[in-house]
Protein backbone atom coordinates (compact mmCIF):
# COMPACT_ATOMS: atom_id res chain seq x y z
CA MET A 1 108.70 -17.11 -21.79
CA THR A 2 111.91 -15.57 -23.61
CA ASN A 3 112.97 -12.45 -22.02
CA ASN A 4 116.18 -11.11 -20.34
CA THR A 5 114.38 -8.67 -18.05
CA SER A 6 112.91 -9.65 -14.84
CA SER A 7 109.37 -8.07 -13.33
CA GLU A 8 111.67 -6.73 -10.81
CA ASP A 9 113.57 -4.85 -13.26
CA ILE A 10 110.46 -3.55 -15.24
CA GLN A 11 108.85 -2.28 -11.83
CA SER A 12 112.31 -0.54 -10.93
CA LEU A 13 112.04 1.19 -14.42
CA PHE A 14 108.76 2.87 -13.49
CA GLN A 15 109.19 3.50 -10.33
CA SER A 16 112.21 5.48 -10.88
CA ASN A 17 111.64 7.07 -14.18
CA ASP A 18 108.65 9.89 -14.22
CA ARG A 19 108.63 11.02 -18.10
CA ILE A 20 107.41 8.28 -20.20
CA LEU A 21 106.88 8.02 -23.83
CA ILE A 22 105.00 4.61 -25.29
CA VAL A 23 105.22 3.70 -28.86
CA SER A 24 103.67 0.96 -30.80
CA HIS A 25 103.73 -0.17 -34.58
CA ILE A 26 102.29 1.49 -37.79
CA ARG A 27 99.05 0.97 -38.49
CA PRO A 28 98.19 -0.16 -35.22
CA ASP A 29 95.73 -2.76 -34.21
CA GLY A 30 93.45 -3.45 -31.53
CA ASP A 31 96.47 -5.10 -29.64
CA ALA A 32 98.76 -2.11 -30.29
CA ILE A 33 96.17 0.64 -29.18
CA GLY A 34 94.99 -1.43 -26.18
CA SER A 35 98.19 -2.07 -24.76
CA ALA A 36 99.68 1.42 -25.43
CA LEU A 37 96.91 3.25 -23.54
CA GLY A 38 95.96 0.62 -21.01
CA LEU A 39 99.96 0.72 -20.14
CA GLY A 40 99.60 4.67 -20.38
CA MET A 41 96.88 4.78 -18.30
CA ALA A 42 97.80 2.22 -15.49
CA LEU A 43 101.35 4.57 -15.45
CA ARG A 44 99.33 7.53 -14.94
CA LYS A 45 97.82 6.19 -12.23
CA LYS A 46 100.62 6.08 -10.55
CA GLY A 47 101.40 9.77 -10.84
CA LYS A 48 103.51 9.22 -14.25
CA GLN A 49 103.97 11.77 -17.03
CA VAL A 50 102.98 9.77 -19.80
CA THR A 51 102.89 10.21 -23.66
CA VAL A 52 101.27 7.81 -26.11
CA ALA A 53 102.30 8.08 -29.69
CA LEU A 54 101.65 6.26 -32.83
CA ALA A 55 102.91 7.30 -36.15
CA ASP A 56 99.66 6.86 -38.02
CA GLY A 57 97.70 7.97 -35.02
CA LEU A 58 94.27 5.93 -34.36
CA PRO A 59 91.61 4.17 -37.12
CA SER A 60 88.45 5.47 -36.77
CA ASN A 61 87.25 2.55 -35.63
CA PHE A 62 89.24 2.50 -32.17
CA ARG A 63 88.81 6.10 -31.68
CA HIS A 64 85.84 4.89 -29.09
CA LEU A 65 88.25 3.48 -26.81
CA PRO A 66 88.82 5.15 -23.32
CA GLY A 67 91.65 7.61 -23.99
CA SER A 68 91.96 7.74 -27.48
CA LYS A 69 92.24 11.20 -27.46
CA THR A 70 95.20 11.32 -25.60
CA VAL A 71 97.22 9.64 -28.37
CA VAL A 72 99.44 11.68 -30.74
CA ASN A 73 101.39 10.87 -34.23
CA ALA A 74 103.82 13.13 -33.70
CA ILE A 75 106.65 14.23 -30.85
CA ASN A 76 108.93 17.19 -30.50
CA PRO A 77 112.40 16.01 -31.27
CA ASP A 78 113.47 18.39 -28.36
CA GLN A 79 111.28 16.85 -26.02
CA GLN A 80 113.05 15.02 -22.88
CA PHE A 81 111.90 11.49 -21.54
CA ASP A 82 113.04 9.54 -18.89
CA LEU A 83 111.79 5.89 -20.41
CA VAL A 84 110.66 4.81 -23.73
CA ILE A 85 108.62 2.15 -23.98
CA SER A 86 107.68 -0.16 -26.78
CA VAL A 87 104.74 -2.23 -27.24
CA ASP A 88 103.48 -4.73 -29.60
CA ALA A 89 106.11 -4.42 -32.08
CA SER A 90 108.70 -6.75 -33.45
CA ASP A 91 111.19 -4.44 -34.61
CA LEU A 92 112.66 -0.92 -34.90
CA GLU A 93 111.34 -0.32 -38.15
CA ARG A 94 107.62 -1.30 -37.25
CA LEU A 95 107.87 1.76 -34.88
CA GLY A 96 107.72 4.26 -37.92
CA ASN A 97 109.35 7.70 -37.33
CA VAL A 98 107.56 8.59 -34.33
CA VAL A 99 110.43 7.82 -31.82
CA ASN A 100 112.97 10.27 -33.56
CA GLY A 101 116.09 8.21 -33.19
CA ARG A 102 115.48 7.53 -29.53
CA ALA A 103 116.53 4.49 -28.05
CA ILE A 104 114.13 2.26 -26.84
CA ASP A 105 114.73 1.51 -22.82
CA LEU A 106 111.72 -1.35 -22.68
CA GLN A 107 109.76 -3.58 -25.12
CA ILE A 108 106.82 -5.49 -24.24
CA ASP A 109 106.09 -8.09 -26.97
CA HIS A 110 104.71 -11.19 -27.80
CA HIS A 111 105.63 -11.98 -31.82
CA VAL A 112 107.82 -15.02 -32.66
CA THR A 113 109.97 -12.92 -35.04
CA ASN A 114 111.14 -10.51 -32.55
CA LEU A 115 114.48 -8.92 -32.78
CA PHE A 116 115.10 -8.06 -28.95
CA PHE A 117 115.75 -4.30 -30.12
CA ALA A 118 115.66 -2.92 -26.49
CA ASP A 119 117.54 -2.40 -23.86
CA HIS A 120 115.42 -4.28 -21.46
CA ASN A 121 113.38 -7.10 -23.28
CA PHE A 122 110.07 -8.56 -22.24
CA VAL A 123 108.90 -11.02 -25.10
CA GLU A 124 106.48 -13.67 -24.18
CA GLU A 125 106.16 -15.60 -27.91
CA THR A 126 103.26 -18.19 -26.61
CA ALA A 127 101.13 -15.20 -25.10
CA VAL A 128 97.85 -14.44 -27.26
CA ALA A 129 98.31 -11.14 -27.27
CA THR A 130 100.83 -8.03 -25.75
CA CYS A 131 97.88 -7.08 -23.86
CA ALA A 132 97.48 -10.56 -22.46
CA ILE A 133 101.34 -10.13 -21.10
CA LEU A 134 99.94 -6.66 -19.57
CA ALA A 135 97.13 -8.05 -17.96
CA GLU A 136 98.93 -10.83 -16.40
CA ASN A 137 101.82 -8.91 -15.10
CA PHE A 138 100.49 -5.89 -13.84
CA PRO A 139 100.22 -7.22 -10.22
CA ASN A 140 103.96 -7.94 -10.71
CA TRP A 141 105.07 -4.50 -11.81
CA GLY A 142 102.96 -2.27 -9.13
CA LEU A 143 100.19 -1.53 -11.43
CA GLU A 144 96.57 -1.87 -11.09
CA PHE A 145 93.54 -2.09 -13.07
CA ASP A 146 90.40 0.15 -13.27
CA PRO A 147 87.07 -0.33 -15.82
CA ASP A 148 88.71 1.59 -18.60
CA ILE A 149 91.99 -0.18 -18.43
CA ALA A 150 90.45 -3.74 -18.53
CA THR A 151 88.65 -2.30 -21.38
CA LEU A 152 91.82 -1.57 -23.55
CA LEU A 153 93.32 -5.01 -22.71
CA LEU A 154 90.61 -6.92 -23.35
CA THR A 155 90.10 -5.28 -26.55
CA GLY A 156 93.64 -6.11 -27.73
CA ILE A 157 93.27 -9.88 -26.37
CA LEU A 158 89.56 -10.22 -28.31
CA THR A 159 90.84 -8.51 -31.61
CA ASP A 160 94.39 -10.71 -31.68
CA THR A 161 92.73 -13.71 -31.47
CA ILE A 162 89.89 -12.88 -33.46
CA GLY A 163 87.46 -13.73 -30.83
CA PHE A 164 89.31 -16.29 -29.14
CA ARG A 165 89.29 -18.38 -32.65
CA THR A 166 92.91 -18.17 -33.30
CA SER A 167 94.65 -21.83 -32.84
CA ASN A 168 97.10 -20.13 -29.89
CA VAL A 169 94.45 -19.64 -27.55
CA THR A 170 94.69 -21.70 -24.36
CA SER A 171 92.73 -22.00 -20.97
CA LYS A 172 94.94 -19.35 -19.49
CA ALA A 173 94.31 -17.01 -21.95
CA LEU A 174 90.54 -17.32 -21.06
CA ARG A 175 91.02 -16.94 -17.22
CA ILE A 176 93.19 -13.94 -18.25
CA ALA A 177 89.84 -12.81 -20.15
CA ALA A 178 87.85 -13.24 -17.14
CA ASP A 179 89.95 -11.41 -14.61
CA LEU A 180 89.57 -8.44 -16.98
CA MET A 181 85.81 -9.01 -16.96
CA ASP A 182 85.94 -8.96 -12.89
CA ALA A 183 87.81 -5.95 -13.28
CA GLY A 184 84.93 -4.04 -15.10
CA ALA A 185 85.82 -4.95 -19.14
CA ASP A 186 82.33 -5.46 -20.82
CA LEU A 187 82.94 -8.89 -23.34
CA PRO A 188 80.05 -8.71 -25.35
CA GLY A 189 80.00 -4.83 -25.86
CA ILE A 190 83.46 -5.01 -26.65
CA TYR A 191 83.12 -8.28 -29.23
CA TYR A 192 80.51 -6.36 -30.89
CA GLN A 193 82.36 -3.11 -31.52
CA ASN A 194 85.42 -4.53 -32.48
CA LEU A 195 84.43 -8.03 -34.25
CA ILE A 196 80.91 -7.86 -35.53
CA SER A 197 80.28 -4.01 -36.24
CA ARG A 198 81.23 -2.66 -39.68
CA SER A 199 80.48 0.66 -41.14
CA TYR A 200 79.07 0.94 -44.72
CA GLU A 201 82.42 2.32 -45.83
CA GLN A 202 84.41 -0.86 -44.68
CA VAL A 203 81.92 -3.11 -46.36
CA ASN A 204 82.19 -1.22 -49.61
CA TYR A 205 85.74 -1.11 -49.23
CA TRP A 206 85.86 -5.11 -48.69
CA GLY A 207 83.74 -5.37 -52.14
CA PHE A 208 86.57 -3.84 -54.80
CA ALA A 209 88.72 -6.74 -53.06
CA LEU A 210 86.43 -9.49 -53.38
CA GLN A 211 86.13 -8.78 -57.04
CA ARG A 212 89.89 -9.59 -57.55
CA MET A 213 90.02 -12.88 -55.71
CA GLN A 214 92.09 -15.32 -56.98
CA LYS A 215 92.75 -18.70 -55.74
CA ARG A 216 95.72 -21.40 -57.04
CA GLU A 217 96.13 -24.86 -55.11
CA ASN A 218 95.71 -24.37 -51.42
CA VAL A 219 96.14 -20.52 -51.51
CA ALA A 220 94.18 -17.39 -52.00
CA TRP A 221 94.70 -13.75 -52.39
CA THR A 222 93.44 -10.27 -53.58
CA SER A 223 94.57 -6.90 -53.22
CA LEU A 224 93.19 -3.11 -52.09
CA ILE A 225 94.33 -0.21 -54.04
CA LEU A 226 94.44 3.31 -53.40
CA ALA A 227 91.37 4.25 -55.63
CA ASP A 228 89.49 1.47 -53.60
CA ARG A 229 89.58 3.93 -50.61
CA GLU A 230 88.50 6.83 -52.57
CA GLN A 231 85.76 5.47 -54.42
CA SER A 232 84.31 3.76 -51.17
CA ASP A 233 84.89 6.83 -48.97
CA TYR A 234 87.10 4.51 -46.20
CA ASN A 235 89.64 7.14 -45.28
CA GLY A 236 92.02 4.48 -43.57
CA ASN A 237 95.04 2.97 -44.64
CA ASP A 238 94.66 -0.41 -43.68
CA ASP A 239 92.71 -3.47 -44.82
CA ALA A 240 89.57 -2.83 -42.69
CA ASP A 241 89.98 -6.19 -41.11
CA LEU A 242 89.17 -7.83 -44.65
CA ASN A 243 91.71 -10.53 -43.59
CA THR A 244 89.47 -12.05 -40.62
CA LEU A 245 87.09 -12.77 -43.60
CA LEU A 246 89.66 -13.98 -45.92
CA SER A 247 91.15 -16.40 -43.18
CA SER A 248 87.45 -18.21 -43.03
CA ILE A 249 88.09 -19.49 -46.65
CA THR A 250 87.86 -23.42 -45.61
CA ASP A 251 89.70 -24.69 -48.82
CA CYS A 252 92.67 -22.64 -48.36
CA ASP A 253 95.63 -22.83 -46.23
CA ILE A 254 97.13 -19.79 -46.81
CA THR A 255 95.37 -16.57 -47.72
CA ILE A 256 97.15 -13.25 -48.86
CA LEU A 257 96.30 -9.81 -48.94
CA PHE A 258 97.81 -6.76 -50.71
CA VAL A 259 97.40 -3.23 -49.75
CA GLU A 260 98.73 -0.36 -51.57
CA GLN A 261 100.08 2.42 -49.88
CA LYS A 262 100.89 5.82 -50.78
CA ASP A 263 104.77 6.14 -50.76
CA ASN A 264 104.95 3.31 -53.33
CA HIS A 265 105.25 0.40 -51.50
CA ILE A 266 102.59 -2.75 -50.28
CA LYS A 267 101.53 -3.82 -47.39
CA VAL A 268 101.21 -7.48 -47.29
CA SER A 269 99.10 -9.47 -44.90
CA TRP A 270 99.32 -13.47 -44.50
CA ARG A 271 96.89 -15.43 -42.83
CA SER A 272 97.31 -19.27 -42.12
CA LYS A 273 95.61 -22.29 -40.90
CA PRO A 274 97.56 -24.41 -38.41
CA GLY A 275 100.42 -26.02 -39.35
CA PHE A 276 101.59 -23.53 -41.76
CA ASP A 277 104.14 -21.00 -40.32
CA VAL A 278 103.52 -17.56 -42.32
CA SER A 279 106.07 -15.60 -40.15
CA GLU A 280 108.82 -17.39 -42.08
CA ILE A 281 107.94 -16.21 -45.52
CA ALA A 282 107.17 -12.60 -43.80
CA PHE A 283 110.56 -12.38 -42.40
CA HIS A 284 111.98 -13.07 -46.07
CA PHE A 285 110.64 -10.14 -46.90
CA ASN A 286 112.10 -8.04 -43.57
CA GLY A 287 108.47 -8.60 -42.05
CA GLY A 288 107.40 -10.32 -39.17
CA GLY A 289 104.43 -11.42 -36.87
CA HIS A 290 102.89 -14.87 -35.73
CA LEU A 291 102.81 -18.28 -37.08
CA ALA A 292 99.25 -17.75 -38.18
CA ALA A 293 99.43 -14.18 -39.11
CA SER A 294 102.26 -12.22 -40.32
CA GLY A 295 102.83 -9.11 -42.39
CA ALA A 296 105.59 -6.97 -44.45
CA ASP A 297 105.90 -3.71 -46.30
CA ILE A 298 107.37 -4.43 -49.06
CA PRO A 299 108.62 -1.54 -51.66
CA GLY A 300 107.44 -1.45 -55.15
CA SER A 301 104.54 -1.61 -57.37
CA LEU A 302 101.52 -4.06 -56.85
CA GLU A 303 102.12 -6.19 -59.79
CA SER A 304 105.85 -6.82 -58.97
CA VAL A 305 105.55 -6.87 -55.17
CA MET A 306 102.42 -9.68 -55.66
CA GLU A 307 104.91 -11.79 -58.24
CA MET A 308 107.75 -11.74 -55.37
CA VAL A 309 105.41 -12.84 -52.60
CA LEU A 310 103.44 -15.36 -54.31
CA GLN A 311 106.61 -17.11 -56.12
CA GLN A 312 108.19 -17.07 -52.37
CA THR A 313 104.73 -18.72 -50.60
CA PHE A 314 104.73 -21.28 -53.07
CA ALA A 315 108.20 -21.97 -52.59
CA TYR A 316 107.68 -22.54 -48.90
CA LEU A 317 104.89 -24.58 -49.74
CA GLN A 318 106.68 -26.75 -51.73
CA THR A 319 109.36 -26.96 -49.04
CA LYS A 320 107.10 -27.97 -46.53
CA LYS A 321 105.78 -30.67 -48.67
CA ARG A 322 109.12 -32.19 -49.36
CA LEU A 323 109.90 -32.05 -45.43
CA GLN A 324 106.72 -34.01 -44.56
């Protein structure tokens, strides 16, 4: 564990502050949403006034989760909080504009590229998900579980490990999941809802990117443009979990997905097989993430960003070959 804040300090922060703001990263995934809502619910059970704010709100595929209707995507700049907590974000930029310049008092995260940007940092890089950190440490922080909280935390673990399929899954992660099932989480139901079930619009959206697939050596890549969303009636601004499909390509060590955004920048996501650290590539573009799954938001046109990213990715692979 890499952190500079003890469990005793965190418990004291929770006990001594009543008005709490919890934030997470833009384009939130299951771990961001599960950890923000799960921690928020646990603190409310202790009588705290909690606001959960996500700059991009909730994607439609997570709006079934307990507490989803309590999420806001903006807060009044004059609203006062005693404690501001960030979960599942490796740096301040990833939070978007929802914090309105407020300092982060406490952050809880598991990304290897974390910049330790809060006054109090609890970062465990070996954890499979931020939700796993919460599930393991709630008892140490004076917090309790109920079926809804367990559901939220298990959602984060399942989605970040793609159903316990990522290379960082350990027996400890499975024991944490089992404990959450004992607390009332329905693992088969969560698995189906978040990893199997797809809307027609999502799959239709994928089709545009699959037609553009390219491959060179052991790298495959494709893109989604703004027009694809309109033609497929997909209302999100993410990849609709297409990365999971791309990462299953057997003869590619690295896959890259470029998703065009409205404000002249491109969301880039890398996925890799064990032995390849794509967080190193993402960090070059002020991004971050995990060894096997990282991302960055890069300003510029799709064509220019693709050229830069592919050049850097192949340069990384050449360096890796020379070191072997």
